[in-house]
Amino acid sequence: MDWEVILSDALRSGIGPIAAVYALAAIGLNLHFGYTGLLNFGQIGFMLVGAYGVAASVSTFGLSLWVGVLIGLGSSVILALLLGLPTLRLRAEYLAIATIAAGEILRLFYRSSWAEPVTGGVFGLQQFADEFFDINPIPRDQYGFWLVNYSSRDLWVLLVAWGLVALFAGVMALMVHSPWGRVIRSIREDEDAVRSLGKSVYAYKMQSLVFGGAIGSLAGMMLAIQNQSVNPDTYNPVETFFLYTLLVLGGAGRMLGPVIGSILFWAILSFFDSALRQAISAGYISSDVLSAAEIGAARFALVGLGLMLLMIFRPQGIFGSRREMLLDVR
C-alpha cells in the first residue's frame, strides 16, 4: 500500500474547495443550532436556492453573475421568512419538520417539468460561472506541495471559498460576543428567562434564521461555481445531516467547530476511500469481501462507526462543550 498517496489524498480533500464549501454552510448551521438552538434540518434548501439564484440568473435570464449572487441571497431571506414566520413561535420540533420538508419540496420542485424552463429540470444548468473564472488572477499552472496539487482554476475557487470561511468565522465571532450574540445564546439556554427581560425571542430567532440561511446560500453558490453546474439532486436533504456530522465532530457552539469538523470529515472520508482501494489493489482485502463498487458505502460505514464512538466517549465533539448539545425545546 502506498501510504504517501493515501495521506496526500486525505490532505487534498481536507483542505480542498468542497471542504471549504461545507465549512461555510456549517458556520450558518452553527448559528442556528450551536448558538440559537434552532433545529434546522433544511440547510441544504438554503444552499439550493443560492446555487440556483446564480445559475438561473446567468443561464436562463442572461443576467450578470454578481446580480445572481444578490438574487440568491434574496431567495434565502425569503425562504427563511417563509419557514420562520409560521414556526418560530411554536416548539422547536415544528421548525425541524418544516425545514426538512422544505428541503425535499424544493428539490422536487426544481427538478419538475413545470420548472424546467427556468431550472433545467433533472438536467440542471451548466457553464454559468465564466465571469468568476475570468477574474482569476492566478496564472495557468499546477500549484501545490508534496503530492497535493491544484490547477489554477481549483486554487482560485479554494482561495475564495476559504476566504469566505475566514470572513464569516470572524463576523460570527464578533456577533456572538456582542450584546446580540449574548441574547441568542441565552435563548438557547432558557427562552422564558429572555422573555422576562423584555426581549422578543421571536425576532431574535428570525434574525438568526435569516443570517445563517444567507451564509448557507453563499455555500451553495460556491459549490455551483466550483462544479460549473447545478442539479437538484445534488442538494439532497441527506447533505444537511453531513453538515450536522461535521458540526458535531468539531463541536457545536464553537467558532472553529465547523471549520475543523469539515476538514476532518472530508480528510477521514478520503483517507478511508483511498486506503480501501489500495488494500484491494494490494490483495490485503479480497474482492469477494469488498469490491471497488462497494467502497463508497464502506467508507461511510467506517466514518459512522467513528462517530458512534465519538458520541459515546465525547458527545460534545472535539472542541465543544457538553452543555452545547442540550437544547431548550419548550
Protein backbone atom coordinates (compact mmCIF):
# COMPACT_ATOMS: atom_id res chain seq x y z
CA MET A 1 0.00 0.00 0.00
CA ASP A 2 1.25 3.46 -0.90
CA TRP A 3 0.69 5.44 2.29
CA GLU A 4 2.09 8.57 0.70
CA VAL A 5 -0.72 8.56 -1.85
CA ILE A 6 -3.31 7.77 0.83
CA LEU A 7 -2.20 10.63 3.07
CA SER A 8 -1.91 13.10 0.19
CA ASP A 9 -5.45 12.21 -0.96
CA ALA A 10 -6.75 12.82 2.56
CA LEU A 11 -4.92 16.13 2.83
CA ARG A 12 -6.11 17.27 -0.61
CA SER A 13 -9.74 16.60 0.36
CA GLY A 14 -9.38 18.10 3.82
CA ILE A 15 -8.18 21.47 2.54
CA GLY A 16 -9.97 21.39 -0.81
CA PRO A 17 -12.81 23.54 -2.14
CA ILE A 18 -15.56 21.08 -1.14
CA ALA A 19 -14.36 21.08 2.48
CA ALA A 20 -14.45 24.88 2.41
CA VAL A 21 -18.00 24.89 0.99
CA TYR A 22 -19.24 22.56 3.72
CA ALA A 23 -17.41 24.54 6.40
CA LEU A 24 -19.16 27.70 5.20
CA ALA A 25 -22.59 26.03 5.21
CA ALA A 26 -21.88 24.61 8.67
CA ILE A 27 -20.99 28.07 10.01
CA GLY A 28 -24.54 29.14 9.18
CA LEU A 29 -25.92 25.95 10.73
CA ASN A 30 -23.78 26.57 13.81
CA LEU A 31 -25.51 29.92 14.26
CA HIS A 32 -28.88 28.16 14.06
CA PHE A 33 -28.15 25.09 16.15
CA GLY A 34 -24.98 25.80 18.10
CA TYR A 35 -25.85 29.29 19.33
CA THR A 36 -29.61 29.84 18.98
CA GLY A 37 -30.85 26.29 19.46
CA LEU A 38 -32.85 26.19 16.22
CA LEU A 39 -33.36 22.69 14.84
CA ASN A 40 -32.83 23.49 11.18
CA PHE A 41 -32.85 20.24 9.22
CA GLY A 42 -33.06 22.00 5.86
CA GLN A 43 -29.81 23.94 5.48
CA ILE A 44 -29.40 22.24 2.11
CA GLY A 45 -32.53 24.11 0.98
CA PHE A 46 -30.76 27.42 1.54
CA MET A 47 -27.78 26.11 -0.42
CA LEU A 48 -30.10 25.07 -3.25
CA VAL A 49 -31.83 28.45 -3.64
CA GLY A 50 -28.46 30.21 -3.50
CA ALA A 51 -26.98 27.96 -6.18
CA TYR A 52 -29.96 28.32 -8.49
CA GLY A 53 -30.14 32.05 -7.83
CA VAL A 54 -26.74 32.32 -9.50
CA ALA A 55 -27.19 29.63 -12.15
CA ALA A 56 -30.67 30.62 -13.35
CA SER A 57 -29.82 34.32 -13.36
CA VAL A 58 -26.96 33.73 -15.80
CA SER A 59 -28.10 30.74 -17.86
CA THR A 60 -31.82 31.42 -18.06
CA PHE A 61 -32.22 35.18 -17.78
CA GLY A 62 -28.86 36.36 -19.12
CA LEU A 63 -28.01 38.46 -16.07
CA SER A 64 -24.61 39.07 -14.53
CA LEU A 65 -23.19 36.52 -12.12
CA TRP A 66 -22.96 39.22 -9.46
CA VAL A 67 -26.63 40.07 -9.86
CA GLY A 68 -27.26 36.36 -9.45
CA VAL A 69 -25.42 36.43 -6.12
CA LEU A 70 -27.81 39.12 -4.87
CA ILE A 71 -30.80 37.15 -6.17
CA GLY A 72 -29.54 34.03 -4.40
CA LEU A 73 -29.14 35.91 -1.12
CA GLY A 74 -32.60 37.44 -1.54
CA SER A 75 -34.05 33.99 -2.19
CA SER A 76 -32.52 32.69 1.02
CA VAL A 77 -34.05 35.55 3.01
CA ILE A 78 -37.48 34.83 1.52
CA LEU A 79 -37.10 31.13 2.30
CA ALA A 80 -36.12 31.90 5.91
CA LEU A 81 -39.15 34.14 6.33
CA LEU A 82 -41.48 31.53 4.82
CA LEU A 83 -40.13 28.88 7.17
CA GLY A 84 -39.78 31.03 10.26
CA LEU A 85 -42.97 33.07 10.30
CA PRO A 86 -45.32 30.13 10.96
CA THR A 87 -42.98 28.01 13.10
CA LEU A 88 -40.69 30.09 15.31
CA ARG A 89 -43.45 30.89 17.81
CA LEU A 90 -44.02 27.15 18.27
CA ARG A 91 -41.96 24.36 19.79
CA ALA A 92 -38.53 23.67 18.31
CA GLU A 93 -39.57 20.45 16.56
CA TYR A 94 -42.00 22.33 14.30
CA LEU A 95 -39.12 24.19 12.68
CA ALA A 96 -37.32 20.86 12.25
CA ILE A 97 -40.34 19.37 10.48
CA ALA A 98 -40.83 22.46 8.29
CA THR A 99 -37.18 22.74 7.25
CA ILE A 100 -36.61 19.08 6.37
CA ALA A 101 -39.84 19.08 4.36
CA ALA A 102 -38.89 22.35 2.64
CA GLY A 103 -35.54 20.95 1.54
CA GLU A 104 -37.18 17.96 -0.14
CA ILE A 105 -40.04 20.01 -1.61
CA LEU A 106 -37.59 22.47 -3.15
CA ARG A 107 -35.51 19.65 -4.66
CA LEU A 108 -38.59 18.07 -6.23
CA PHE A 109 -39.91 21.42 -7.42
CA TYR A 110 -36.64 22.48 -9.05
CA ARG A 111 -36.37 19.16 -10.90
CA SER A 112 -40.02 19.16 -12.03
CA SER A 113 -41.03 19.55 -15.68
CA TRP A 114 -43.05 22.63 -14.70
CA ALA A 115 -39.89 24.45 -13.54
CA GLU A 116 -37.66 23.05 -16.30
CA PRO A 117 -37.68 26.21 -18.48
CA VAL A 118 -36.01 28.09 -15.62
CA THR A 119 -34.10 25.43 -13.67
CA GLY A 120 -33.28 22.92 -16.40
CA GLY A 121 -35.29 20.26 -14.57
CA VAL A 122 -33.49 16.97 -13.98
CA PHE A 123 -30.68 18.07 -16.32
CA GLY A 124 -29.84 21.19 -14.33
CA LEU A 125 -27.83 24.12 -15.66
CA GLN A 126 -24.19 24.33 -16.78
CA GLN A 127 -21.43 26.78 -17.67
CA PHE A 128 -22.66 29.90 -15.90
CA ALA A 129 -19.62 30.88 -13.81
CA ASP A 130 -17.35 32.22 -16.56
CA GLU A 131 -17.40 35.72 -15.02
CA PHE A 132 -15.97 34.29 -11.81
CA PHE A 133 -13.13 32.46 -13.57
CA ASP A 134 -12.43 35.41 -15.90
CA ILE A 135 -11.21 37.44 -12.92
CA ASN A 136 -8.87 34.66 -11.75
CA PRO A 137 -5.50 36.39 -11.15
CA ILE A 138 -3.58 33.11 -10.84
CA PRO A 139 -1.59 32.16 -13.98
CA ARG A 140 -2.45 28.81 -15.54
CA ASP A 141 -0.24 26.17 -13.98
CA GLN A 142 -0.21 23.47 -11.31
CA TYR A 143 0.32 24.63 -7.73
CA GLY A 144 0.86 22.75 -4.53
CA PHE A 145 3.31 20.88 -2.35
CA TRP A 146 4.33 17.28 -1.83
CA LEU A 147 1.74 15.22 -3.77
CA VAL A 148 -1.02 17.79 -3.21
CA ASN A 149 -1.55 19.79 -6.40
CA TYR A 150 -4.31 22.02 -7.69
CA SER A 151 -4.90 23.65 -11.05
CA SER A 152 -5.07 27.45 -11.13
CA ARG A 153 -8.85 27.13 -11.54
CA ASP A 154 -9.29 24.94 -8.45
CA LEU A 155 -6.82 27.03 -6.47
CA TRP A 156 -8.84 30.17 -7.27
CA VAL A 157 -12.05 28.54 -6.02
CA LEU A 158 -10.20 27.21 -2.98
CA LEU A 159 -8.83 30.63 -2.02
CA VAL A 160 -12.18 32.38 -2.45
CA ALA A 161 -14.08 29.67 -0.57
CA TRP A 162 -11.67 29.56 2.37
CA GLY A 163 -11.56 33.38 2.31
CA LEU A 164 -15.35 33.40 2.80
CA VAL A 165 -14.97 30.86 5.60
CA ALA A 166 -12.43 33.10 7.35
CA LEU A 167 -14.58 36.19 6.78
CA PHE A 168 -17.77 34.72 8.19
CA ALA A 169 -16.00 32.95 11.02
CA GLY A 170 -14.66 36.38 12.02
CA VAL A 171 -18.07 38.01 11.60
CA MET A 172 -19.64 35.26 13.70
CA ALA A 173 -17.04 35.73 16.42
CA LEU A 174 -17.87 39.44 16.60
CA MET A 175 -21.62 38.84 16.54
CA VAL A 176 -21.66 36.08 19.14
CA HIS A 177 -19.63 38.18 21.59
CA SER A 178 -21.81 41.24 21.03
CA PRO A 179 -24.99 42.06 23.03
CA TRP A 180 -26.99 40.47 20.19
CA GLY A 181 -24.96 37.28 20.48
CA ARG A 182 -25.45 37.11 24.22
CA VAL A 183 -29.21 37.27 23.69
CA ILE A 184 -29.29 34.41 21.18
CA ARG A 185 -27.12 32.25 23.42
CA SER A 186 -29.50 32.99 26.27
CA ILE A 187 -32.41 31.94 24.06
CA ARG A 188 -30.76 28.58 23.64
CA GLU A 189 -30.43 28.16 27.37
CA ASP A 190 -33.83 29.46 28.54
CA GLU A 191 -36.35 31.28 26.33
CA ASP A 192 -38.61 32.20 29.25
CA ALA A 193 -35.79 33.98 31.07
CA VAL A 194 -35.08 36.04 27.94
CA ARG A 195 -38.76 36.96 27.58
CA SER A 196 -38.87 38.03 31.22
CA LEU A 197 -36.17 40.59 30.41
CA GLY A 198 -38.38 42.15 27.73
CA LYS A 199 -36.59 40.69 24.70
CA SER A 200 -38.50 39.46 21.65
CA VAL A 201 -37.39 35.85 21.35
CA TYR A 202 -39.29 35.51 18.07
CA ALA A 203 -37.47 38.45 16.48
CA TYR A 204 -34.04 37.22 17.53
CA LYS A 205 -34.76 33.71 16.27
CA MET A 206 -35.88 35.12 12.94
CA GLN A 207 -32.73 37.20 12.61
CA SER A 208 -30.61 34.13 13.35
CA LEU A 209 -32.52 32.01 10.83
CA VAL A 210 -32.18 34.65 8.10
CA PHE A 211 -28.47 35.31 8.64
CA GLY A 212 -27.49 31.64 8.97
CA GLY A 213 -29.56 30.79 5.90
CA ALA A 214 -27.83 33.53 3.89
CA ILE A 215 -24.44 32.04 4.79
CA GLY A 216 -25.74 28.65 3.65
CA SER A 217 -26.85 30.16 0.33
CA LEU A 218 -23.33 31.50 -0.26
CA ALA A 219 -22.01 27.99 0.32
CA GLY A 220 -24.45 26.71 -2.30
CA MET A 221 -23.24 29.36 -4.75
CA MET A 222 -19.60 28.35 -4.25
CA LEU A 223 -20.47 24.69 -4.77
CA ALA A 224 -22.26 25.55 -8.01
CA ILE A 225 -19.36 27.72 -9.19
CA GLN A 226 -16.82 25.03 -8.35
CA ASN A 227 -18.73 22.46 -10.43
CA GLN A 228 -19.83 24.93 -13.14
CA SER A 229 -23.18 23.13 -12.94
CA VAL A 230 -26.21 22.69 -10.72
CA ASN A 231 -28.56 19.76 -10.48
CA PRO A 232 -31.42 19.50 -7.96
CA ASP A 233 -30.38 16.01 -6.86
CA THR A 234 -27.01 17.35 -5.72
CA TYR A 235 -28.86 19.23 -2.99
CA ASN A 236 -30.36 16.19 -1.31
CA PRO A 237 -31.68 16.67 2.26
CA VAL A 238 -29.23 13.98 3.38
CA GLU A 239 -26.46 16.57 2.87
CA THR A 240 -27.85 18.55 5.83
CA PHE A 241 -27.02 15.61 8.07
CA PHE A 242 -23.46 15.62 6.72
CA LEU A 243 -23.34 19.23 7.91
CA TYR A 244 -24.58 18.18 11.35
CA THR A 245 -21.99 15.40 11.37
CA LEU A 246 -19.06 17.71 10.79
CA LEU A 247 -20.55 20.31 13.15
CA VAL A 248 -20.84 17.78 15.97
CA LEU A 249 -17.40 16.40 15.11
CA GLY A 250 -15.76 19.80 15.52
CA GLY A 251 -18.01 20.98 18.34
CA ALA A 252 -21.31 22.84 18.16
CA GLY A 253 -21.33 26.35 19.58
CA ARG A 254 -17.63 26.90 18.92
CA MET A 255 -16.12 29.29 16.38
CA LEU A 256 -13.74 26.76 14.86
CA GLY A 257 -16.05 23.78 15.30
CA PRO A 258 -17.49 23.84 11.74
CA VAL A 259 -14.09 24.53 10.17
CA ILE A 260 -12.15 21.80 11.99
CA GLY A 261 -15.09 19.42 11.62
CA SER A 262 -15.25 19.91 7.84
CA ILE A 263 -11.50 19.43 7.41
CA LEU A 264 -11.54 16.25 9.48
CA PHE A 265 -14.74 14.87 7.93
CA TRP A 266 -13.53 15.13 4.34
CA ALA A 267 -9.98 14.10 5.17
CA ILE A 268 -11.15 10.97 7.02
CA LEU A 269 -13.66 10.12 4.30
CA SER A 270 -10.99 10.40 1.61
CA PHE A 271 -8.48 8.51 3.76
CA PHE A 272 -10.79 5.50 4.06
CA ASP A 273 -11.67 5.65 0.37
CA SER A 274 -8.04 5.72 -0.74
CA ALA A 275 -6.90 3.17 1.87
CA LEU A 276 -9.60 0.66 0.94
CA ARG A 277 -8.80 0.98 -2.77
CA GLN A 278 -5.10 0.49 -2.06
CA ALA A 279 -5.84 -2.51 0.15
CA ILE A 280 -7.96 -4.16 -2.56
CA SER A 281 -5.32 -3.47 -5.22
CA ALA A 282 -2.57 -4.90 -2.99
CA GLY A 283 -4.62 -8.01 -2.23
CA TYR A 284 -4.97 -7.33 1.51
CA ILE A 285 -8.76 -7.30 1.08
CA SER A 286 -10.33 -9.87 -1.20
CA SER A 287 -12.70 -8.59 -3.87
CA ASP A 288 -15.09 -11.27 -2.64
CA VAL A 289 -15.24 -9.48 0.71
CA LEU A 290 -15.32 -5.90 -0.59
CA SER A 291 -15.50 -4.86 -4.23
CA ALA A 292 -14.46 -1.49 -5.63
CA ALA A 293 -18.11 -0.62 -6.22
CA GLU A 294 -18.84 -1.04 -2.50
CA ILE A 295 -16.08 1.24 -1.25
CA GLY A 296 -18.33 4.32 -1.25
CA ALA A 297 -20.76 2.70 1.17
CA ALA A 298 -18.00 1.09 3.24
CA ARG A 299 -16.21 4.40 3.89
CA PHE A 300 -19.42 5.98 5.18
CA ALA A 301 -19.97 2.95 7.41
CA LEU A 302 -16.48 3.36 8.89
CA VAL A 303 -16.99 7.09 9.42
CA GLY A 304 -20.35 6.30 11.04
CA LEU A 305 -18.67 3.85 13.39
CA GLY A 306 -16.16 6.50 14.35
CA LEU A 307 -18.95 8.98 15.05
CA MET A 308 -20.73 6.43 17.24
CA LEU A 309 -17.57 6.06 19.30
CA LEU A 310 -17.24 9.84 19.45
CA MET A 311 -20.83 10.17 20.72
CA ILE A 312 -20.14 7.54 23.39
CA PHE A 313 -16.88 8.93 24.71
CA ARG A 314 -17.04 12.64 23.79
CA PRO A 315 -20.55 13.67 22.68
CA GLN A 316 -19.67 17.37 22.66
CA GLY A 317 -17.17 16.91 19.83
CA ILE A 318 -13.50 17.77 19.73
CA PHE A 319 -13.74 21.43 20.81
CA GLY A 320 -17.32 21.52 22.06
CA SER A 321 -18.88 21.73 25.48
CA ARG A 322 -21.29 19.05 26.69
CA ARG A 323 -23.94 21.62 27.59
CA GLU A 324 -23.95 22.90 24.00
CA MET A 325 -25.60 19.63 22.98
CA LEU A 326 -28.57 20.34 25.25
CA LEU A 327 -31.50 22.31 23.86
CA ASP A 328 -34.35 24.19 25.50
CA VAL A 329 -37.19 22.92 23.29
CA ARG A 330 -40.06 24.36 25.26
